[in-house]
Amino acid sequence: MNTIKRNVQNQAVGLIPILLFMFLDNFFSYRLSFFIAVVFCIFCLGLYRMLSKDKIYQFLLLPASATLILYVLFILLKLDPVLFGYSPVLVEVLFVMVLAIIGFSKHSMLRRIRQSKAPAYKRTLMRTALNEFYFLVPLVQNLYTLHLFVILFFTFLPESMQNPHFEHFLYRYLGIVIGVAIIVYEQIRISWMQGSLKKEMWLPVLDDKGKVIGCIARSVSRTSPKKYYHPIVRIAVIYNGMLYLVKRPKTDYVSPETLDYPLHAYILFRHTIENTIKEIIGRHIGKPIEPRFLIRYTHEDEKVKHLVSLHAICVRDEATMKKLMHTHGKLWTMKQIEENIGKGVFSSYFESEYPYLKNTVLFAENYNLNATKKETPLPEKQEN
């Protein structure tokens, strides 16, 4: 998750070579300004190529580089009067044209990444950066197009309504202000997104063999029912041969307000089954208990597809049981369960697990309880 958050980066930084050229053109010749901007752009491309090994990508540098390459054509045409006075505006026009063409490549680029043979996690990170890039492309294009229309409108105004100072700002500095504003806006937006990611629950995505192939936010996964395969842990609590069940909250995504075990949770991305079990037991009981692994199976309904790891805890002492009883649940005998099963009383998970529990751990527990009762001697009657 930390790597993903790091890679939701500010793609607007790729505007800097363009902004640098526009800024320097106010103080130096357009040729020197262009040379410095090109050197800086090449340096940035080399830097981000090295950073790409650490899954850090910067795509907006590519249209910026293409814009500077197109500008070379105007230098070769020796249009010095135009370049001397209107280089910032010309660069904006070229940049808007490049962005307009790039905007059509979104679907093909994302499709190529999906179909590539790169590791799934790397593809996820690259898609994240590309989505940020394609989010910015229309924003940058529209703002600079609006700026160019304002310049065009200003040229048609009567001379009496034109202000030389405003004209200088409009032609020379407003484009820079727009670029800086985009970078600041994108940084604020990313900071807000990173704050949201800290609160998000990240779940591993499994293939059909149960192997982790990526991760996704739980909120995103729930927008596509059954599309993603996630692992969960469930722990049955048994006391005196009875199952302890509680009512699931009405906000639960699966089987709300039905009876189920008090201990169950998603296995989070980069967490193990063992760590998840320790967290669940530590949160509810407060002392380490080693549950018994029972079975691993796939639970699938109209909403979810889960790889369930079912465990069981056989509680032996009343003090431990009281720590669980704060969840306002109830102990159910096998007879009570069988009288209500199939009537919508229990969760869909529990109803699929109960036959296995009945014939394994519940059978063993009740057998041991009956054997213990038979071995306990009756108290002798005292003679008067």
Protein backbone atom coordinates (compact mmCIF):
# COMPACT_ATOMS: atom_id res chain seq x y z
CA MET A 1 0.00 0.00 0.00
CA ASN A 2 2.88 2.39 0.81
CA THR A 3 4.31 1.87 -2.67
CA ILE A 4 0.95 2.63 -4.27
CA LYS A 5 0.59 5.83 -2.25
CA ARG A 6 4.10 6.88 -3.24
CA ASN A 7 3.25 6.33 -6.89
CA VAL A 8 0.12 8.49 -6.82
CA GLN A 9 2.61 11.25 -7.71
CA ASN A 10 2.35 14.73 -9.11
CA GLN A 11 2.32 14.23 -12.87
CA ALA A 12 2.00 18.02 -13.30
CA VAL A 13 5.72 18.32 -12.50
CA GLY A 14 6.22 17.40 -16.15
CA LEU A 15 5.12 20.97 -17.02
CA ILE A 16 8.30 22.46 -15.56
CA PRO A 17 10.44 22.37 -18.78
CA ILE A 18 7.69 24.28 -20.62
CA LEU A 19 7.26 26.77 -17.76
CA LEU A 20 11.04 27.21 -17.50
CA PHE A 21 11.26 28.14 -21.18
CA MET A 22 8.34 30.58 -20.89
CA PHE A 23 9.91 32.21 -17.83
CA LEU A 24 13.47 32.50 -19.21
CA ASP A 25 12.16 33.97 -22.47
CA ASN A 26 11.32 37.13 -20.50
CA PHE A 27 14.99 37.72 -19.65
CA PHE A 28 17.12 36.00 -22.32
CA SER A 29 16.97 35.35 -26.05
CA TYR A 30 14.56 32.67 -27.18
CA ARG A 31 17.48 30.52 -28.39
CA LEU A 32 19.26 30.52 -25.02
CA SER A 33 15.96 29.99 -23.17
CA PHE A 34 15.16 27.08 -25.45
CA PHE A 35 18.62 25.54 -24.97
CA ILE A 36 18.35 25.70 -21.16
CA ALA A 37 14.83 24.24 -21.24
CA VAL A 38 15.96 21.37 -23.49
CA VAL A 39 18.93 20.54 -21.24
CA PHE A 40 16.67 20.57 -18.20
CA CYS A 41 14.09 18.39 -19.99
CA ILE A 42 16.76 15.82 -20.96
CA PHE A 43 17.99 15.77 -17.36
CA CYS A 44 14.43 15.15 -16.09
CA LEU A 45 13.87 12.37 -18.62
CA GLY A 46 17.08 10.65 -17.51
CA LEU A 47 16.20 11.08 -13.85
CA TYR A 48 12.73 9.60 -14.22
CA ARG A 49 14.06 6.78 -16.35
CA MET A 50 16.23 5.78 -13.39
CA LEU A 51 13.34 6.25 -10.97
CA SER A 52 11.12 4.04 -13.13
CA LYS A 53 13.14 1.08 -11.82
CA ASP A 54 11.57 1.92 -8.44
CA LYS A 55 8.12 2.10 -10.07
CA ILE A 56 8.05 5.93 -10.15
CA TYR A 57 6.71 7.23 -13.47
CA GLN A 58 6.38 10.71 -14.99
CA PHE A 59 4.39 10.77 -18.24
CA LEU A 60 3.70 14.50 -18.72
CA LEU A 61 7.38 14.99 -19.57
CA LEU A 62 6.71 13.20 -22.87
CA PRO A 63 4.28 15.80 -24.35
CA ALA A 64 6.52 18.55 -22.96
CA SER A 65 9.48 17.01 -24.82
CA ALA A 66 7.41 16.65 -28.00
CA THR A 67 6.47 20.35 -27.76
CA LEU A 68 10.10 21.42 -27.55
CA ILE A 69 10.95 19.19 -30.53
CA LEU A 70 8.19 20.84 -32.60
CA TYR A 71 9.52 24.25 -31.59
CA VAL A 72 12.82 23.35 -33.31
CA LEU A 73 10.96 23.35 -36.65
CA PHE A 74 10.10 27.03 -36.21
CA ILE A 75 13.73 27.81 -35.38
CA LEU A 76 14.84 26.03 -38.56
CA LEU A 77 12.30 28.06 -40.57
CA LYS A 78 14.07 31.21 -39.30
CA LEU A 79 10.89 32.92 -38.11
CA ASP A 80 12.85 35.25 -35.83
CA PRO A 81 10.26 38.09 -35.64
CA VAL A 82 7.55 35.65 -34.55
CA LEU A 83 9.77 33.74 -32.13
CA PHE A 84 11.21 36.91 -30.61
CA GLY A 85 7.84 38.33 -29.60
CA TYR A 86 5.50 35.36 -29.34
CA SER A 87 7.52 32.30 -28.28
CA PRO A 88 5.47 31.69 -25.07
CA VAL A 89 2.20 31.79 -27.04
CA LEU A 90 3.62 29.57 -29.78
CA VAL A 91 4.79 27.00 -27.20
CA GLU A 92 1.30 26.99 -25.68
CA VAL A 93 -0.29 26.36 -29.08
CA LEU A 94 2.08 23.48 -29.79
CA PHE A 95 1.57 22.04 -26.31
CA VAL A 96 -2.24 22.12 -26.66
CA MET A 97 -1.98 20.36 -30.03
CA VAL A 98 0.24 17.62 -28.60
CA LEU A 99 -2.10 17.10 -25.63
CA ALA A 100 -5.12 16.90 -27.96
CA ILE A 101 -3.46 14.08 -29.92
CA ILE A 102 -2.34 12.26 -26.76
CA GLY A 103 -5.88 12.36 -25.38
CA PHE A 104 -6.95 9.84 -28.04
CA SER A 105 -4.37 7.29 -26.87
CA LYS A 106 -5.84 6.64 -23.42
CA HIS A 107 -7.77 3.44 -24.10
CA SER A 108 -5.07 1.87 -26.27
CA MET A 109 -2.33 2.63 -23.72
CA LEU A 110 -4.30 1.19 -20.81
CA ARG A 111 -5.17 -1.86 -22.89
CA ARG A 112 -1.50 -2.43 -23.73
CA ILE A 113 -0.57 -2.34 -20.06
CA ARG A 114 -3.34 -4.79 -19.17
CA GLN A 115 -2.12 -7.17 -21.86
CA SER A 116 1.58 -6.81 -21.08
CA LYS A 117 3.54 -9.65 -19.51
CA ALA A 118 4.92 -7.46 -16.71
CA PRO A 119 4.20 -8.57 -13.12
CA ALA A 120 0.66 -7.75 -12.00
CA TYR A 121 1.83 -5.43 -9.23
CA LYS A 122 3.99 -3.42 -11.65
CA ARG A 123 1.06 -3.14 -14.07
CA THR A 124 -1.12 -1.82 -11.23
CA LEU A 125 1.42 0.88 -10.35
CA MET A 126 1.84 1.92 -13.98
CA ARG A 127 -1.94 2.14 -14.46
CA THR A 128 -2.13 4.35 -11.37
CA ALA A 129 0.41 6.79 -12.82
CA LEU A 130 -1.21 6.68 -16.28
CA ASN A 131 -4.66 7.39 -14.85
CA GLU A 132 -3.24 10.45 -13.08
CA PHE A 133 -1.62 11.55 -16.34
CA TYR A 134 -4.81 11.15 -18.38
CA PHE A 135 -6.73 12.99 -15.67
CA LEU A 136 -4.39 15.97 -16.09
CA VAL A 137 -4.24 15.99 -19.90
CA PRO A 138 -7.74 17.47 -20.51
CA LEU A 139 -7.36 19.83 -17.54
CA VAL A 140 -4.09 21.30 -18.84
CA GLN A 141 -5.36 21.33 -22.42
CA ASN A 142 -8.59 23.16 -21.53
CA LEU A 143 -6.93 25.78 -19.33
CA TYR A 144 -4.30 26.67 -21.92
CA THR A 145 -6.90 26.64 -24.70
CA LEU A 146 -8.96 29.09 -22.65
CA HIS A 147 -5.87 31.25 -22.21
CA LEU A 148 -5.28 31.28 -25.97
CA PHE A 149 -8.91 32.30 -26.60
CA VAL A 150 -8.51 35.18 -24.12
CA ILE A 151 -5.40 36.32 -26.03
CA LEU A 152 -7.32 36.06 -29.32
CA PHE A 153 -10.22 38.05 -27.86
CA PHE A 154 -7.83 40.71 -26.56
CA THR A 155 -6.32 41.24 -30.02
CA PHE A 156 -9.76 42.18 -31.41
CA LEU A 157 -10.38 44.84 -28.79
CA PRO A 158 -10.12 48.49 -29.86
CA GLU A 159 -6.78 50.13 -29.04
CA SER A 160 -8.53 52.42 -26.57
CA MET A 161 -9.52 49.38 -24.47
CA GLN A 162 -6.10 47.72 -24.56
CA ASN A 163 -3.67 48.12 -21.67
CA PRO A 164 0.06 47.57 -22.41
CA HIS A 165 0.78 46.27 -18.90
CA PHE A 166 -2.13 43.84 -19.00
CA GLU A 167 -1.10 42.76 -22.52
CA HIS A 168 2.44 42.02 -21.32
CA PHE A 169 1.09 39.99 -18.40
CA LEU A 170 -1.40 38.18 -20.65
CA TYR A 171 1.21 37.17 -23.23
CA ARG A 172 4.22 36.62 -21.01
CA TYR A 173 3.19 35.61 -17.50
CA LEU A 174 -0.37 34.28 -17.38
CA GLY A 175 0.69 31.01 -19.02
CA ILE A 176 3.31 30.54 -16.28
CA VAL A 177 0.75 31.33 -13.57
CA ILE A 178 -1.63 28.73 -15.04
CA GLY A 179 1.10 26.08 -15.05
CA VAL A 180 2.16 26.76 -11.46
CA ALA A 181 -1.49 26.76 -10.37
CA ILE A 182 -1.97 23.32 -11.99
CA ILE A 183 1.07 21.93 -10.16
CA VAL A 184 -0.15 23.31 -6.81
CA TYR A 185 -3.70 22.06 -7.42
CA GLU A 186 -2.46 18.58 -8.31
CA GLN A 187 -0.25 18.45 -5.22
CA ILE A 188 -3.18 19.42 -2.98
CA ARG A 189 -5.39 16.84 -4.67
CA ILE A 190 -2.76 14.12 -4.24
CA SER A 191 -2.27 15.02 -0.56
CA TRP A 192 -6.01 14.67 -0.06
CA MET A 193 -5.98 11.33 -1.90
CA GLN A 194 -3.11 10.07 0.24
CA GLY A 195 -5.07 11.00 3.36
CA SER A 196 -7.99 8.98 2.04
CA LEU A 197 -5.73 6.03 1.22
CA LYS A 198 -4.54 5.89 4.83
CA LYS A 199 -8.13 5.18 5.87
CA GLU A 200 -8.73 2.68 3.09
CA MET A 201 -8.66 -1.08 3.56
CA TRP A 202 -6.44 -2.74 0.95
CA LEU A 203 -7.29 -6.31 0.04
CA PRO A 204 -5.17 -8.83 -1.87
CA VAL A 205 -6.56 -10.04 -5.19
CA LEU A 206 -6.21 -13.79 -5.76
CA ASP A 207 -6.19 -15.86 -8.91
CA ASP A 208 -8.21 -19.08 -9.16
CA LYS A 209 -5.36 -21.00 -7.51
CA GLY A 210 -5.38 -18.72 -4.46
CA LYS A 211 -2.15 -16.92 -5.38
CA VAL A 212 -1.89 -13.17 -4.73
CA ILE A 213 -1.67 -11.29 -8.03
CA GLY A 214 -2.33 -7.72 -6.87
CA CYS A 215 -4.34 -5.59 -4.47
CA ILE A 216 -7.36 -3.29 -4.53
CA ALA A 217 -9.21 -1.00 -2.14
CA ARG A 218 -12.21 -2.65 -0.52
CA SER A 219 -14.46 0.25 -1.55
CA VAL A 220 -13.44 -0.23 -5.19
CA SER A 221 -13.85 -4.00 -5.01
CA ARG A 222 -17.43 -3.63 -3.83
CA THR A 223 -18.36 -1.59 -6.88
CA SER A 224 -17.80 -4.74 -8.99
CA PRO A 225 -19.55 -7.65 -7.23
CA LYS A 226 -17.78 -11.03 -7.55
CA LYS A 227 -15.12 -9.61 -9.85
CA TYR A 228 -12.30 -9.92 -7.31
CA TYR A 229 -11.30 -12.95 -5.23
CA HIS A 230 -10.29 -12.06 -1.64
CA PRO A 231 -9.13 -14.14 1.37
CA ILE A 232 -10.88 -14.00 4.75
CA VAL A 233 -10.44 -15.69 8.13
CA ARG A 234 -13.35 -17.05 10.18
CA ILE A 235 -13.02 -18.49 13.68
CA ALA A 236 -15.79 -20.58 15.26
CA VAL A 237 -16.04 -20.27 19.06
CA ILE A 238 -17.11 -23.47 20.87
CA TYR A 239 -17.90 -23.70 24.57
CA ASN A 240 -19.29 -26.79 26.32
CA GLY A 241 -20.18 -28.33 22.96
CA MET A 242 -22.16 -25.26 21.87
CA LEU A 243 -21.42 -22.60 19.25
CA TYR A 244 -21.27 -18.96 20.31
CA LEU A 245 -23.03 -16.79 17.71
CA VAL A 246 -23.71 -13.05 17.46
CA LYS A 247 -25.80 -10.92 15.13
CA ARG A 248 -23.90 -9.37 12.23
CA PRO A 249 -24.31 -5.56 11.94
CA LYS A 250 -26.96 -4.30 9.55
CA THR A 251 -24.20 -2.43 7.69
CA ASP A 252 -22.40 -5.67 6.77
CA TYR A 253 -21.99 -6.20 3.04
CA VAL A 254 -22.83 -9.92 3.21
CA SER A 255 -25.70 -11.44 5.25
CA PRO A 256 -26.49 -8.38 7.40
CA GLU A 257 -28.39 -8.93 10.67
CA THR A 258 -27.92 -12.70 10.59
CA LEU A 259 -26.21 -14.86 13.21
CA ASP A 260 -22.54 -15.67 12.76
CA TYR A 261 -19.25 -16.15 14.63
CA PRO A 262 -17.95 -13.09 16.51
CA LEU A 263 -14.46 -13.57 15.04
CA HIS A 264 -13.99 -12.99 11.31
CA ALA A 265 -12.03 -10.54 9.16
CA TYR A 266 -10.44 -9.91 5.79
CA ILE A 267 -6.79 -10.83 5.41
CA LEU A 268 -5.30 -7.49 4.41
CA PHE A 269 -2.73 -7.01 1.67
CA ARG A 270 0.74 -8.16 2.77
CA HIS A 271 -0.72 -9.69 5.94
CA THR A 272 -0.61 -13.40 6.70
CA ILE A 273 -3.35 -15.66 8.03
CA GLU A 274 -1.39 -16.05 11.28
CA ASN A 275 -1.06 -12.27 11.78
CA THR A 276 -4.74 -11.74 11.07
CA ILE A 277 -5.74 -14.43 13.58
CA LYS A 278 -3.50 -12.89 16.27
CA GLU A 279 -5.04 -9.45 15.66
CA ILE A 280 -8.60 -10.80 15.86
CA ILE A 281 -8.00 -12.81 19.03
CA GLY A 282 -5.98 -10.05 20.67
CA ARG A 283 -8.73 -7.52 19.98
CA HIS A 284 -11.58 -9.67 21.33
CA ILE A 285 -9.98 -11.91 23.96
CA GLY A 286 -6.78 -10.16 24.95
CA LYS A 287 -4.63 -13.23 25.44
CA PRO A 288 -3.00 -15.57 22.91
CA ILE A 289 -5.03 -18.63 21.95
CA GLU A 290 -4.00 -20.99 19.16
CA PRO A 291 -7.06 -21.84 17.06
CA ARG A 292 -7.39 -25.14 15.23
CA PHE A 293 -7.39 -25.00 11.43
CA LEU A 294 -10.41 -26.83 10.00
CA ILE A 295 -10.87 -26.23 6.28
CA ARG A 296 -10.23 -23.81 3.43
CA TYR A 297 -12.94 -23.35 0.82
CA THR A 298 -14.36 -20.85 -1.68
CA HIS A 299 -17.53 -19.00 -0.72
CA GLU A 300 -19.32 -17.37 -3.62
CA ASP A 301 -22.66 -15.58 -3.84
CA GLU A 302 -24.16 -12.72 -5.84
CA LYS A 303 -21.94 -10.15 -4.08
CA VAL A 304 -18.57 -11.70 -3.20
CA LYS A 305 -16.07 -14.41 -3.97
CA HIS A 306 -13.98 -15.26 -0.90
CA LEU A 307 -11.32 -17.81 -0.06
CA VAL A 308 -12.35 -18.72 3.49
CA SER A 309 -9.90 -20.11 6.04
CA LEU A 310 -12.05 -21.65 8.76
CA HIS A 311 -10.58 -22.14 12.24
CA ALA A 312 -12.09 -23.05 15.61
CA ILE A 313 -11.41 -22.19 19.24
CA CYS A 314 -12.61 -24.55 21.95
CA VAL A 315 -12.88 -22.35 25.04
CA ARG A 316 -12.32 -24.28 28.26
CA ASP A 317 -12.67 -21.64 30.98
CA GLU A 318 -15.52 -19.33 31.88
CA ALA A 319 -13.31 -16.23 32.28
CA THR A 320 -12.21 -16.36 28.64
CA MET A 321 -15.78 -16.91 27.52
CA LYS A 322 -16.94 -13.84 29.44
CA LYS A 323 -14.52 -11.68 27.43
CA LEU A 324 -16.33 -12.75 24.28
CA MET A 325 -19.81 -12.47 25.76
CA HIS A 326 -19.63 -8.66 25.71
CA THR A 327 -20.70 -8.87 22.07
CA HIS A 328 -24.22 -9.77 23.32
CA GLY A 329 -24.31 -13.12 21.61
CA LYS A 330 -25.74 -16.46 22.64
CA LEU A 331 -24.61 -20.07 22.93
CA TRP A 332 -26.44 -22.35 20.51
CA THR A 333 -26.80 -26.11 20.82
CA MET A 334 -26.67 -28.33 17.76
CA LYS A 335 -30.39 -29.04 18.14
CA GLN A 336 -31.27 -25.32 18.19
CA ILE A 337 -29.14 -24.67 15.13
CA GLU A 338 -30.68 -27.53 13.15
CA GLU A 339 -34.18 -26.29 13.97
CA ASN A 340 -33.40 -22.85 12.47
CA ILE A 341 -30.98 -23.61 9.67
CA GLY A 342 -32.19 -22.74 6.17
CA LYS A 343 -34.64 -20.14 7.52
CA GLY A 344 -32.49 -17.05 7.00
CA VAL A 345 -31.46 -16.93 10.65
CA PHE A 346 -27.76 -17.65 10.03
CA SER A 347 -25.26 -16.10 7.65
CA SER A 348 -24.62 -17.72 4.29
CA TYR A 349 -21.07 -18.51 5.44
CA PHE A 350 -22.27 -20.30 8.56
CA GLU A 351 -24.90 -22.36 6.75
CA SER A 352 -22.28 -23.74 4.35
CA GLU A 353 -19.83 -24.44 7.21
CA TYR A 354 -22.17 -25.99 9.76
CA PRO A 355 -22.35 -29.52 8.24
CA TYR A 356 -18.56 -29.73 8.42
CA LEU A 357 -18.48 -28.36 11.99
CA LYS A 358 -21.19 -30.78 13.06
CA ASN A 359 -19.31 -33.83 11.83
CA THR A 360 -15.86 -32.81 13.08
CA VAL A 361 -15.12 -30.45 15.92
CA LEU A 362 -18.65 -30.27 17.38
CA PHE A 363 -18.97 -34.06 17.27
CA ALA A 364 -15.60 -34.44 19.03
CA GLU A 365 -16.42 -31.83 21.68
CA ASN A 366 -19.80 -33.34 22.52
CA TYR A 367 -18.28 -36.84 22.61
CA ASN A 368 -15.63 -35.67 25.08
CA LEU A 369 -18.23 -33.92 27.22
CA ASN A 370 -20.40 -37.06 27.39
CA ALA A 371 -17.37 -39.21 28.20
CA THR A 372 -16.35 -36.84 30.99
CA LYS A 373 -19.84 -36.96 32.51
CA LYS A 374 -19.83 -40.79 32.51
CA GLU A 375 -16.42 -40.92 34.17
CA THR A 376 -17.43 -38.50 36.93
CA PRO A 377 -18.50 -40.64 39.97
CA LEU A 378 -21.80 -39.91 41.63
CA PRO A 379 -21.59 -38.67 45.24
CA GLU A 380 -22.12 -41.47 47.79
CA LYS A 381 -25.22 -41.36 49.95
CA GLN A 382 -24.52 -40.76 53.61
CA GLU A 383 -26.06 -43.19 56.11
CA ASN A 384 -28.19 -41.71 58.86
